[in-house]
Protein backbone atom coordinates (compact mmCIF):
# COMPACT_ATOMS: atom_id res chain seq x y z
CA MET A 1 -45.04 26.76 -91.18
CA THR A 2 -43.34 29.26 -93.19
CA PRO A 3 -42.03 28.31 -96.78
CA SER A 4 -38.30 28.83 -95.58
CA ASP A 5 -38.64 26.28 -92.95
CA PRO A 6 -37.20 22.89 -94.00
CA THR A 7 -39.77 20.21 -94.31
CA PRO A 8 -39.87 17.48 -91.79
CA GLY A 9 -37.42 14.67 -92.60
CA THR A 10 -35.28 16.79 -94.74
CA PRO A 11 -31.87 17.54 -93.25
CA PRO A 12 -30.86 21.17 -93.33
CA THR A 13 -28.32 22.22 -95.73
CA ASP A 14 -24.67 22.70 -94.65
CA PRO A 15 -23.30 26.27 -94.74
CA ALA A 16 -20.58 26.93 -97.32
CA PRO A 17 -16.95 26.67 -95.97
CA LEU A 18 -15.18 29.66 -94.80
CA LEU A 19 -12.16 28.80 -96.91
CA THR A 20 -11.65 26.36 -99.69
CA VAL A 21 -9.17 23.65 -99.39
CA ARG A 22 -6.92 25.17 -101.88
CA THR A 23 -6.75 28.54 -100.05
CA THR A 24 -6.06 26.77 -96.81
CA VAL A 25 -3.22 24.73 -98.51
CA VAL A 26 -1.78 27.96 -100.04
CA LEU A 27 -1.97 29.82 -96.68
CA LEU A 28 -0.58 27.04 -94.49
CA SER A 29 2.35 26.49 -97.00
CA ALA A 30 3.13 30.15 -97.01
CA ALA A 31 3.07 30.25 -93.12
CA VAL A 32 5.45 27.23 -92.92
CA ILE A 33 7.85 28.90 -95.53
CA GLY A 34 7.78 32.17 -93.38
CA LEU A 35 8.48 30.21 -90.18
CA VAL A 36 11.48 28.18 -91.67
CA THR A 37 12.87 31.33 -93.11
CA GLY A 38 12.58 33.43 -89.82
CA GLY A 39 13.93 30.37 -87.84
CA LEU A 40 16.92 30.08 -90.06
CA ALA A 41 17.53 33.84 -89.95
CA PHE A 42 17.46 33.79 -86.41
CA LEU A 43 19.71 30.86 -85.87
CA GLY A 44 22.07 32.33 -88.28
CA GLY A 45 22.74 34.94 -85.60
CA GLY A 46 20.84 37.84 -86.96
CA PRO A 47 18.65 40.05 -84.80
CA THR A 48 15.41 38.93 -83.85
CA ALA A 49 13.53 41.88 -85.63
CA GLY A 50 15.51 40.85 -88.76
CA ALA A 51 14.47 37.30 -88.47
CA VAL A 52 10.70 38.34 -88.10
CA LEU A 53 10.91 40.49 -90.97
CA ALA A 54 12.61 38.04 -93.25
CA GLY A 55 9.80 35.47 -92.21
CA LEU A 56 7.12 37.94 -93.09
CA THR A 57 8.82 38.83 -96.32
CA ALA A 58 9.15 35.37 -97.41
CA SER A 59 5.43 34.46 -96.21
CA GLY A 60 4.11 37.24 -98.15
CA ALA A 61 6.14 36.52 -101.30
CA GLY A 62 5.15 32.85 -101.11
CA VAL A 63 1.52 33.44 -101.32
CA PRO A 64 1.23 34.71 -104.93
CA ALA A 65 3.80 32.03 -106.05
CA LEU A 66 2.02 29.22 -104.36
CA HIS A 67 -1.30 30.58 -105.75
CA LYS A 68 0.13 30.16 -109.30
CA LEU A 69 1.79 26.85 -108.56
CA ILE A 70 -1.07 24.95 -106.83
CA ARG A 71 -4.08 24.43 -108.87
């Protein structure tokens, strides 16, 4: 048995999460903001490309704002 092997009876340690809860909340909130903005732009009669661009812009602008707001 090598020193890096866990000893019998000791549970293995869990790996660190890929994203923290705060990061997940910020990114999901930005995605929702982008979807709502793009959907409203599309329903408002704008072209599809314009609605996609509006949604991506709102989502991208929302990330730094949400990063500052959510602590």
